[in-house]
Amino acid sequence: MKELPVVVIGAGPIGLAAAANLVTRGIPVKVLEAGDAAGANVREWGHVRLFSPWKFNVDPASRTLLKAAGWQEPEAGSYPTGNELVETYLTPLAATKELASVIEYGVRVAAIGRHGIDKVVSKGRELRPFQLTVVGRDGAVSCVRARAVIDASGTWRTPNPVSASGVATEGEETLADKITYGIPDVLGRGRADYVGRTTLVVGAGHSAANVLLDLDELSARDGATKAIWVTRGRDLSRVYGGGSNDHLAARGDLGQRLRRLVEEGRIELVSGFAITGLRQEGERIVVNGEVGGVGRTIGPVDRIVACTGQRPDLSLTRELRVEFDPWLESARALGPMIDPNLHSCGSVPPHGHRELSHPEPGFYTVGSSGRIDASSRMSAAPFFILSGIVVIGGAIGAIVGVHLLTLLKAQGIGLAAAVALGALVGPAQVGGRVIEMAGRGRHHPLWTMSAALGLIAIGIGLMALAVGPVGLAIILYGAGNGVFSIAKGTLPLALFDPHRYASLMGRLARPSLIAQAVAPTAGALLLDQRLHLDFRRFAISRLDQCGDGGGTVMVSKALAMRQ
């Protein structure tokens, strides 16, 4: 099959980058693009400025091809719009002599399979070429054979519905002419649809932010233009971002501008709203939904913009042996690495062809993070906060567990009494767990974790300051530690997707175990410094009390015993 090309589906940024890398390696390639030109989908949001500067958007292999053709690379730190990305980068790249002859426009891939066998047949499967069913502009159907297939078609053409359930809600299809999916050009070619009207924007991502900012600008020119922002979730930290501390400055600025508009009342925000149905009222739309399980109606409004993300078209691969992540619908191995419940843009680890592959040899899905739900994606911050709590809690437990007797003896408690007091930790842990279990799940694990951390902090504080009975401090610490061991298992289950519980616990455990391994040694060094300092203070005080003669002898003997 080596004489056959690798077929790349889609001539967008990822598809062309894949083709450029194949060409530079001397591998025959064929690119199939449904649009009339490279970057057809990007042109639909061409008015939007990217968060990432040029230096992050130019593929090295593509740069090599372009440089050979005399291309002038844009300033690395500037931020292109979608149109500038197409006109300055994708169009010249597609026109290079290496790629121009291998790209076919106006052809849509309808299905992919193996030549002569269906997906049930295993024997000799990898020896059969891929067969792609292709539909041309005139509706004519043809077949293209390939040694391998890279699907870079993306998800732009298959948006998510506006409803909270993930399926089209009542009235959504009927009112489709009043709903726009994606990022309309409110200030440009789509202006007539929004000026002087009330628009409901659905979604909690940056696409929604762009639309809302444009609607506000339009409102400044025409006071009758209004925007209502609806989000399914209540945590808007992801879209508001980190301001000046955001890793992508343009993204942080976008979020802060949106926050100001909401705080100033220029955009009406309805958070926690789950859309359950749409109905027509005259020429307008009434939106039905729920907030906290209680019914609520918004509107009437003139138009709806659904910035609710996209999903891949899985029908394309029906006859292939593919394995998708059950809920993100990306390649299965990629799913845990990009799960928005655990990651933000800056925390996704590097990945390569193995994470983009499937059980079908030679088939890869690229340029798509699978199913993107812009209405409900949460910030990765809760995971990192929880990870930090587990690490600190584990480190404290390791230090106290190893050095408790030393801490007690440093307070002047004899060895036998210190051992007896230390023995209280175990029963206190069990007691804390019994009390927690008596609650029978009537309280959220967040409260369990809060109680555990509070008890641990009070217990350690009392021991460190030598305030009150030492036994009480140890009992409080032990009870908190016992409850903590339960909370660090139940809280992740409550906060994140239960289907990822096993992998999530593994990710939480790794840094915690490392901290627990290092903590006793680090604790010993700190305690040694502290005890040595306390001893020197004691010796100096005794020297002052006894005078130079007898005090010197006493301190010398004490230091000799210390050493």
Foldseek 3Di string as FASTA:
>chain_A
DQVFAAEEEAQELVSLLVLLVCVVVVGHYAYEAQAPAHNPLLVQQQVAWDLAFQLVRDRPSLVVLLVVVVQDRPDRRDIHGSVCCCVRRSRSSCVRPSRVVRYDYNKDFQAKAFPPDFQVDDPCQLVTWMWTWIQGNVRDTDIGTGNFYEYQVAFSVFAFEQFPVRDHAACCVVVVVQEAEFAHPCVPPVVVLFQLFEEEEEFLAQSSLNNVVSQLVSCVVPVSGAYEYEFQADDNCQQCDDACPHPRNVSNVSSVVSVVCVVVVRYHYDYNWGWRYWDDDPQFIKTWTDHPNHIDIDDRTNHYYYHFFGADDCSRHPRHQADACPPQRARNLQCVQPPLCADDPVRRDDDDQVSQDGPGPRYGYPNYSGTGTRRDRDHNVVLVVLLVVLQVLLLVCLQCVVCQQVLVVLVVDDNVVSVVLLVLLVVLLVVLVVVVVVVVPPDALVVLLVQLVVLLVQLVVCSVVVPDDNSVSSSSNSSSSNSNVVSSQRNCCVSDPVVCSVVSVVVSVVSNVVSSVCNNVVSVVVVVVVSVVVVVVVLVVQCVVPDPPPSVVVSVVVVVVVD
